[in-house]
C-alpha cells in the first residue's frame, strides 16, 4: 500500500524545487505525478495526490502572499 500523503509531500517538494516541474504539473498533472513518483498509479490514487498537491500549493501560495502583504503594512 502506497502512502498517499508521503507521495503528495514528495510532489510538493519536487515542484517547489523545480519551476519546470511546476509548469509541467499545471499542464499535465497526472503525467508529472507518475514521472516523479516513478510508478504507474491507478487513476483514483493519482487524483487524490493531484488534489492534495494542488491544495497544498494553493495554501502555500496564499500564505506567502499574505506574509508579503503583512510586510508591506508594517
PDB file of N, CA and C in Angstrom:
ATOM      1  N   UNK A   1       0.850  -1.208   0.000  1.00  0.00           N
ATOM      2  CA  UNK A   1       0.000   0.000   0.000  1.00  0.00           C
ATOM      3  C   UNK A   1       0.882   1.253   0.000  1.00  0.00           C
ATOM      4  N   UNK A   2       0.577   2.164  -0.898  1.00  0.00           N
ATOM      5  CA  UNK A   2       1.359   3.390  -1.013  1.00  0.00           C
ATOM      6  C   UNK A   2       0.817   4.461  -0.062  1.00  0.00           C
ATOM      7  N   UNK A   3       1.723   5.186   0.560  1.00  0.00           N
ATOM      8  CA  UNK A   3       1.326   6.278   1.439  1.00  0.00           C
ATOM      9  C   UNK A   3       1.072   7.522   0.590  1.00  0.00           C
ATOM     10  N   UNK A   4      -0.208   7.830   0.404  1.00  0.00           N
ATOM     11  CA  UNK A   4      -0.581   8.949  -0.475  1.00  0.00           C
ATOM     12  C   UNK A   4      -0.043  10.265   0.064  1.00  0.00           C
ATOM     13  N   UNK A   5      -0.132  10.445   1.385  1.00  0.00           N
ATOM     14  CA  UNK A   5       0.347  11.695   1.976  1.00  0.00           C
ATOM     15  C   UNK A   5       1.845  11.873   1.726  1.00  0.00           C
ATOM     16  N   UNK A   6       2.593  10.777   1.864  1.00  0.00           N
ATOM     17  CA  UNK A   6       4.036  10.815   1.623  1.00  0.00           C
ATOM     18  C   UNK A   6       4.323  11.192   0.159  1.00  0.00           C
ATOM     19  N   UNK A   7       3.556  10.632  -0.753  1.00  0.00           N
ATOM     20  CA  UNK A   7       3.737  10.928  -2.179  1.00  0.00           C
ATOM     21  C   UNK A   7       3.373  12.379  -2.487  1.00  0.00           C
ATOM     22  N   UNK A   8       2.320  12.874  -1.831  1.00  0.00           N
ATOM     23  CA  UNK A   8       1.933  14.283  -2.020  1.00  0.00           C
ATOM     24  C   UNK A   8       3.076  15.193  -1.577  1.00  0.00           C
ATOM     25  N   UNK A   9       3.659  14.881  -0.423  1.00  0.00           N
ATOM     26  CA  UNK A   9       4.774  15.693   0.089  1.00  0.00           C
ATOM     27  C   UNK A   9       5.957  15.643  -0.870  1.00  0.00           C
ATOM     28  N   UNK A  10       6.221  14.462  -1.419  1.00  0.00           N
ATOM     29  CA  UNK A  10       7.316  14.309  -2.380  1.00  0.00           C
ATOM     30  C   UNK A  10       7.063  15.186  -3.604  1.00  0.00           C
ATOM     31  N   UNK A  11       5.826  15.193  -4.088  1.00  0.00           N
ATOM     32  CA  UNK A  11       5.464  16.005  -5.262  1.00  0.00           C
ATOM     33  C   UNK A  11       5.619  17.490  -4.958  1.00  0.00           C
ATOM     34  N   UNK A  12       5.107  17.915  -3.816  1.00  0.00           N
ATOM     35  CA  UNK A  12       5.170  19.334  -3.444  1.00  0.00           C
ATOM     36  C   UNK A  12       6.629  19.776  -3.345  1.00  0.00           C
ATOM     37  N   UNK A  13       7.465  18.903  -2.776  1.00  0.00           N
ATOM     38  CA  UNK A  13       8.888  19.207  -2.646  1.00  0.00           C
ATOM     39  C   UNK A  13       9.527  19.373  -4.027  1.00  0.00           C
ATOM     40  N   UNK A  14       9.247  18.439  -4.921  1.00  0.00           N
ATOM     41  CA  UNK A  14       9.802  18.500  -6.279  1.00  0.00           C
ATOM     42  C   UNK A  14       9.359  19.778  -6.992  1.00  0.00           C
ATOM     43  N   UNK A  15       8.072  20.084  -6.880  1.00  0.00           N
ATOM     44  CA  UNK A  15       7.509  21.256  -7.552  1.00  0.00           C
ATOM     45  C   UNK A  15       8.113  22.533  -6.975  1.00  0.00           C
ATOM     46  N   UNK A  16       8.313  22.551  -5.662  1.00  0.00           N
ATOM     47  CA  UNK A  16       8.892  23.730  -5.010  1.00  0.00           C
ATOM     48  C   UNK A  16      10.324  23.962  -5.463  1.00  0.00           C
ATOM     49  N   UNK A  17      11.078  22.868  -5.653  1.00  0.00           N
ATOM     50  CA  UNK A  17      12.487  22.979  -6.032  1.00  0.00           C
ATOM     51  C   UNK A  17      12.665  23.295  -7.509  1.00  0.00           C
ATOM     52  N   UNK A  18      11.718  22.876  -8.330  1.00  0.00           N
ATOM     53  CA  UNK A  18      11.928  22.899  -9.769  1.00  0.00           C
ATOM     54  C   UNK A  18      10.787  23.597 -10.508  1.00  0.00           C
ATOM     55  N   UNK A  19      11.011  24.835 -10.952  1.00  0.00           N
ATOM     56  CA  UNK A  19       9.960  25.588 -11.656  1.00  0.00           C
ATOM     57  C   UNK A  19       9.469  24.881 -12.928  1.00  0.00           C
ATOM     58  N   UNK A  20      10.365  24.126 -13.590  1.00  0.00           N
ATOM     59  CA  UNK A  20       9.938  23.400 -14.796  1.00  0.00           C
ATOM     60  C   UNK A  20       8.897  22.344 -14.469  1.00  0.00           C
ATOM     61  N   UNK A  21       9.108  21.652 -13.356  1.00  0.00           N
ATOM     62  CA  UNK A  21       8.146  20.626 -12.952  1.00  0.00           C
ATOM     63  C   UNK A  21       6.820  21.285 -12.574  1.00  0.00           C
ATOM     64  N   UNK A  22       6.906  22.442 -11.942  1.00  0.00           N
ATOM     65  CA  UNK A  22       5.668  23.150 -11.572  1.00  0.00           C
ATOM     66  C   UNK A  22       4.868  23.501 -12.825  1.00  0.00           C
ATOM     67  N   UNK A  23       5.568  23.984 -13.834  1.00  0.00           N
ATOM     68  CA  UNK A  23       4.916  24.343 -15.095  1.00  0.00           C
ATOM     69  C   UNK A  23       4.283  23.108 -15.751  1.00  0.00           C
ATOM     70  N   UNK A  24       5.060  22.021 -15.783  1.00  0.00           N
ATOM     71  CA  UNK A  24       4.550  20.759 -16.347  1.00  0.00           C
ATOM     72  C   UNK A  24       3.352  20.266 -15.567  1.00  0.00           C
ATOM     73  N   UNK A  25       3.443  20.366 -14.230  1.00  0.00           N
ATOM     74  CA  UNK A  25       2.357  19.890 -13.363  1.00  0.00           C
ATOM     75  C   UNK A  25       1.060  20.636 -13.664  1.00  0.00           C
ATOM     76  N   UNK A  26       1.176  21.939 -13.905  1.00  0.00           N
ATOM     77  CA  UNK A  26      -0.017  22.727 -14.197  1.00  0.00           C
ATOM     78  C   UNK A  26      -0.656  22.301 -15.515  1.00  0.00           C
ATOM     79  N   UNK A  27       0.177  21.867 -16.479  1.00  0.00           N
ATOM     80  CA  UNK A  27      -0.344  21.437 -17.783  1.00  0.00           C
ATOM     81  C   UNK A  27      -0.819  19.986 -17.769  1.00  0.00           C
ATOM     82  N   UNK A  28       0.021  19.092 -17.225  1.00  0.00           N
ATOM     83  CA  UNK A  28      -0.272  17.664 -17.254  1.00  0.00           C
ATOM     84  C   UNK A  28       0.043  17.019 -15.908  1.00  0.00           C
ATOM     85  N   UNK A  29      -0.809  17.273 -14.911  1.00  0.00           N
ATOM     86  CA  UNK A  29      -0.516  16.809 -13.549  1.00  0.00           C
ATOM     87  C   UNK A  29      -0.341  15.287 -13.444  1.00  0.00           C
ATOM     88  N   UNK A  30      -1.171  14.517 -14.119  1.00  0.00           N
ATOM     89  CA  UNK A  30      -1.111  13.065 -13.988  1.00  0.00           C
ATOM     90  C   UNK A  30       0.234  12.534 -14.481  1.00  0.00           C
ATOM     91  N   UNK A  31       0.646  13.018 -15.644  1.00  0.00           N
ATOM     92  CA  UNK A  31       1.917  12.588 -16.241  1.00  0.00           C
ATOM     93  C   UNK A  31       3.090  12.934 -15.318  1.00  0.00           C
ATOM     94  N   UNK A  32       3.072  14.122 -14.761  1.00  0.00           N
ATOM     95  CA  UNK A  32       4.157  14.580 -13.896  1.00  0.00           C
ATOM     96  C   UNK A  32       4.196  13.774 -12.598  1.00  0.00           C
ATOM     97  N   UNK A  33       3.045  13.512 -12.011  1.00  0.00           N
ATOM     98  CA  UNK A  33       2.989  12.715 -10.773  1.00  0.00           C
ATOM     99  C   UNK A  33       3.607  11.345 -11.022  1.00  0.00           C
ATOM    100  N   UNK A  34       3.197  10.700 -12.108  1.00  0.00           N
ATOM    101  CA  UNK A  34       3.717   9.364 -12.383  1.00  0.00           C
ATOM    102  C   UNK A  34       5.218   9.400 -12.690  1.00  0.00           C
ATOM    103  N   UNK A  35       5.681  10.481 -13.342  1.00  0.00           N
ATOM    104  CA  UNK A  35       7.103  10.605 -13.658  1.00  0.00           C
ATOM    105  C   UNK A  35       7.920  10.783 -12.375  1.00  0.00           C
ATOM    106  N   UNK A  36       7.481  11.677 -11.501  1.00  0.00           N
ATOM    107  CA  UNK A  36       8.225  11.966 -10.275  1.00  0.00           C
ATOM    108  C   UNK A  36       8.212  10.765  -9.332  1.00  0.00           C
ATOM    109  N   UNK A  37       7.054  10.141  -9.174  1.00  0.00           N
ATOM    110  CA  UNK A  37       6.931   9.008  -8.262  1.00  0.00           C
ATOM    111  C   UNK A  37       7.561   7.758  -8.873  1.00  0.00           C
ATOM    112  N   UNK A  38       7.556   7.685 -10.199  1.00  0.00           N
ATOM    113  CA  UNK A  38       8.193   6.567 -10.874  1.00  0.00           C
ATOM    114  C   UNK A  38       7.352   5.305 -10.920  1.00  0.00           C
ATOM    115  N   UNK A  39       6.047   5.461 -10.723  1.00  0.00           N
ATOM    116  CA  UNK A  39       5.152   4.309 -10.724  1.00  0.00           C
ATOM    117  C   UNK A  39       3.894   4.663 -11.513  1.00  0.00           C
ATOM    118  N   UNK A  40       3.385   3.698 -12.254  1.00  0.00           N
ATOM    119  CA  UNK A  40       2.109   3.885 -12.930  1.00  0.00           C
ATOM    120  C   UNK A  40       1.022   3.607 -11.906  1.00  0.00           C
ATOM    121  N   UNK A  41       0.278   4.625 -11.553  1.00  0.00           N
ATOM    122  CA  UNK A  41      -0.692   4.507 -10.459  1.00  0.00           C
ATOM    123  C   UNK A  41      -2.123   4.400 -10.974  1.00  0.00           C
ATOM    124  N   UNK A  42      -2.997   3.778 -10.166  1.00  0.00           N
ATOM    125  CA  UNK A  42      -4.428   3.793 -10.520  1.00  0.00           C
ATOM    126  C   UNK A  42      -4.950   5.230 -10.520  1.00  0.00           C
ATOM    127  N   UNK A  43      -5.901   5.503 -11.402  1.00  0.00           N
ATOM    128  CA  UNK A  43      -6.417   6.873 -11.559  1.00  0.00           C
ATOM    129  C   UNK A  43      -6.906   7.484 -10.250  1.00  0.00           C
ATOM    130  N   UNK A  44      -7.598   6.691  -9.415  1.00  0.00           N
ATOM    131  CA  UNK A  44      -8.132   7.264  -8.168  1.00  0.00           C
ATOM    132  C   UNK A  44      -7.008   7.727  -7.248  1.00  0.00           C
ATOM    133  N   UNK A  45      -5.899   6.997  -7.233  1.00  0.00           N
ATOM    134  CA  UNK A  45      -4.760   7.387  -6.396  1.00  0.00           C
ATOM    135  C   UNK A  45      -4.116   8.652  -6.958  1.00  0.00           C
ATOM    136  N   UNK A  46      -3.930   8.688  -8.280  1.00  0.00           N
ATOM    137  CA  UNK A  46      -3.346   9.870  -8.921  1.00  0.00           C
ATOM    138  C   UNK A  46      -4.205  11.096  -8.635  1.00  0.00           C
ATOM    139  N   UNK A  47      -5.518  10.952  -8.707  1.00  0.00           N
ATOM    140  CA  UNK A  47      -6.416  12.086  -8.475  1.00  0.00           C
ATOM    141  C   UNK A  47      -6.289  12.590  -7.038  1.00  0.00           C
ATOM    142  N   UNK A  48      -6.182  11.669  -6.081  1.00  0.00           N
ATOM    143  CA  UNK A  48      -6.039  12.084  -4.676  1.00  0.00           C
ATOM    144  C   UNK A  48      -4.734  12.853  -4.483  1.00  0.00           C
ATOM    145  N   UNK A  49      -3.657  12.329  -5.067  1.00  0.00           N
ATOM    146  CA  UNK A  49      -2.361  13.007  -4.939  1.00  0.00           C
ATOM    147  C   UNK A  49      -2.432  14.376  -5.611  1.00  0.00           C
ATOM    148  N   UNK A  50      -3.010  14.413  -6.814  1.00  0.00           N
ATOM    149  CA  UNK A  50      -3.103  15.669  -7.567  1.00  0.00           C
ATOM    150  C   UNK A  50      -3.904  16.707  -6.782  1.00  0.00           C
ATOM    151  N   UNK A  51      -5.050  16.320  -6.248  1.00  0.00           N
ATOM    152  CA  UNK A  51      -5.879  17.263  -5.474  1.00  0.00           C
ATOM    153  C   UNK A  51      -5.135  17.754  -4.242  1.00  0.00           C
ATOM    154  N   UNK A  52      -4.449  16.842  -3.568  1.00  0.00           N
ATOM    155  CA  UNK A  52      -3.702  17.221  -2.366  1.00  0.00           C
ATOM    156  C   UNK A  52      -2.572  18.177  -2.684  1.00  0.00           C
ATOM    157  N   UNK A  53      -1.861  17.894  -3.771  1.00  0.00           N
ATOM    158  CA  UNK A  53      -0.734  18.751  -4.167  1.00  0.00           C
ATOM    159  C   UNK A  53      -1.243  20.132  -4.563  1.00  0.00           C
ATOM    160  N   UNK A  54      -2.314  20.165  -5.360  1.00  0.00           N
ATOM    161  CA  UNK A  54      -2.880  21.466  -5.777  1.00  0.00           C
ATOM    162  C   UNK A  54      -3.331  22.264  -4.558  1.00  0.00           C
ATOM    163  N   UNK A  55      -3.981  21.600  -3.601  1.00  0.00           N
ATOM    164  CA  UNK A  55      -4.448  22.285  -2.395  1.00  0.00           C
ATOM    165  C   UNK A  55      -3.262  22.832  -1.606  1.00  0.00           C
ATOM    166  N   UNK A  56      -2.220  22.012  -1.457  1.00  0.00           N
ATOM    167  CA  UNK A  56      -1.057  22.446  -0.688  1.00  0.00           C
ATOM    168  C   UNK A  56      -0.355  23.614  -1.376  1.00  0.00           C
ATOM    169  N   UNK A  57      -0.214  23.544  -2.694  1.00  0.00           N
ATOM    170  CA  UNK A  57       0.433  24.641  -3.423  1.00  0.00           C
ATOM    171  C   UNK A  57      -0.383  25.921  -3.291  1.00  0.00           C
ATOM    172  N   UNK A  58      -1.694  25.796  -3.339  1.00  0.00           N
ATOM    173  CA  UNK A  58      -2.573  26.961  -3.206  1.00  0.00           C
ATOM    174  C   UNK A  58      -2.440  27.566  -1.812  1.00  0.00           C
ATOM    175  N   UNK A  59      -2.465  26.700  -0.794  1.00  0.00           N
ATOM    176  CA  UNK A  59      -2.346  27.184   0.586  1.00  0.00           C
ATOM    177  C   UNK A  59      -0.998  27.855   0.791  1.00  0.00           C
ATOM    178  N   UNK A  60       0.079  27.216   0.315  1.00  0.00           N
ATOM    179  CA  UNK A  60       1.419  27.805   0.450  1.00  0.00           C
ATOM    180  C   UNK A  60       1.487  29.143  -0.268  1.00  0.00           C
ATOM    181  N   UNK A  61       0.933  29.197  -1.473  1.00  0.00           N
ATOM    182  CA  UNK A  61       0.941  30.434  -2.253  1.00  0.00           C
ATOM    183  C   UNK A  61       0.182  31.542  -1.546  1.00  0.00           C
ATOM    184  N   UNK A  62      -0.966  31.187  -0.976  1.00  0.00           N
ATOM    185  CA  UNK A  62      -1.800  32.169  -0.272  1.00  0.00           C
ATOM    186  C   UNK A  62      -1.070  32.665   0.976  1.00  0.00           C
ATOM    187  N   UNK A  63      -0.438  31.761   1.714  1.00  0.00           N
ATOM    188  CA  UNK A  63       0.239  32.199   2.941  1.00  0.00           C
ATOM    189  C   UNK A  63       1.449  33.069   2.614  1.00  0.00           C
ATOM    190  N   UNK A  64       2.169  32.755   1.524  1.00  0.00           N
ATOM    191  CA  UNK A  64       3.294  33.603   1.121  1.00  0.00           C
ATOM    192  C   UNK A  64       2.795  34.989   0.725  1.00  0.00           C
ATOM    193  N   UNK A  65       1.697  35.029  -0.007  1.00  0.00           N
ATOM    194  CA  UNK A  65       1.125  36.311  -0.424  1.00  0.00           C
ATOM    195  C   UNK A  65       0.679  37.111   0.800  1.00  0.00           C
ATOM    196  N   UNK A  66       0.053  36.427   1.762  1.00  0.00           N
ATOM    197  CA  UNK A  66      -0.407  37.104   2.978  1.00  0.00           C
ATOM    198  C   UNK A  66       0.778  37.659   3.754  1.00  0.00           C
ATOM    199  N   UNK A  67       1.846  36.894   3.836  1.00  0.00           N
ATOM    200  CA  UNK A  67       3.050  37.372   4.541  1.00  0.00           C
ATOM    201  C   UNK A  67       3.653  38.567   3.836  1.00  0.00           C
ATOM    202  N   UNK A  68       3.676  38.552   2.525  1.00  0.00           N
ATOM    203  CA  UNK A  68       4.216  39.673   1.751  1.00  0.00           C
ATOM    204  C   UNK A  68       3.372  40.920   2.006  1.00  0.00           C
ATOM    205  N   UNK A  69       2.055  40.742   2.031  1.00  0.00           N
ATOM    206  CA  UNK A  69       1.168  41.882   2.294  1.00  0.00           C
ATOM    207  C   UNK A  69       1.379  42.432   3.691  1.00  0.00           C
ATOM    208  N   UNK A  70       1.501  41.527   4.670  1.00  0.00           N
ATOM    209  CA  UNK A  70       1.741  41.971   6.049  1.00  0.00           C
ATOM    210  C   UNK A  70       2.995  42.835   6.117  1.00  0.00           C
ATOM    211  N   UNK A  71       4.041  42.381   5.420  1.00  0.00           N
ATOM    212  CA  UNK A  71       5.297  43.116   5.416  1.00  0.00           C
ATOM    213  C   UNK A  71       5.148  44.519   4.851  1.00  0.00           C
ATOM    214  N   UNK A  72       4.245  44.683   3.892  1.00  0.00           N
ATOM    215  CA  UNK A  72       4.046  45.987   3.251  1.00  0.00           C
ATOM    216  C   UNK A  72       3.424  46.999   4.211  1.00  0.00           C
ATOM    217  N   UNK A  73       2.656  46.511   5.185  1.00  0.00           N
ATOM    218  CA  UNK A  73       1.892  47.433   6.051  1.00  0.00           C
ATOM    219  C   UNK A  73       2.525  47.621   7.417  1.00  0.00           C
ATOM    220  N   UNK A  74       3.772  47.171   7.570  1.00  0.00           N
ATOM    221  CA  UNK A  74       4.391  47.337   8.890  1.00  0.00           C
ATOM    222  C   UNK A  74       5.258  48.566   8.925  1.00  0.00           C
TER     223      UNK A  74
END
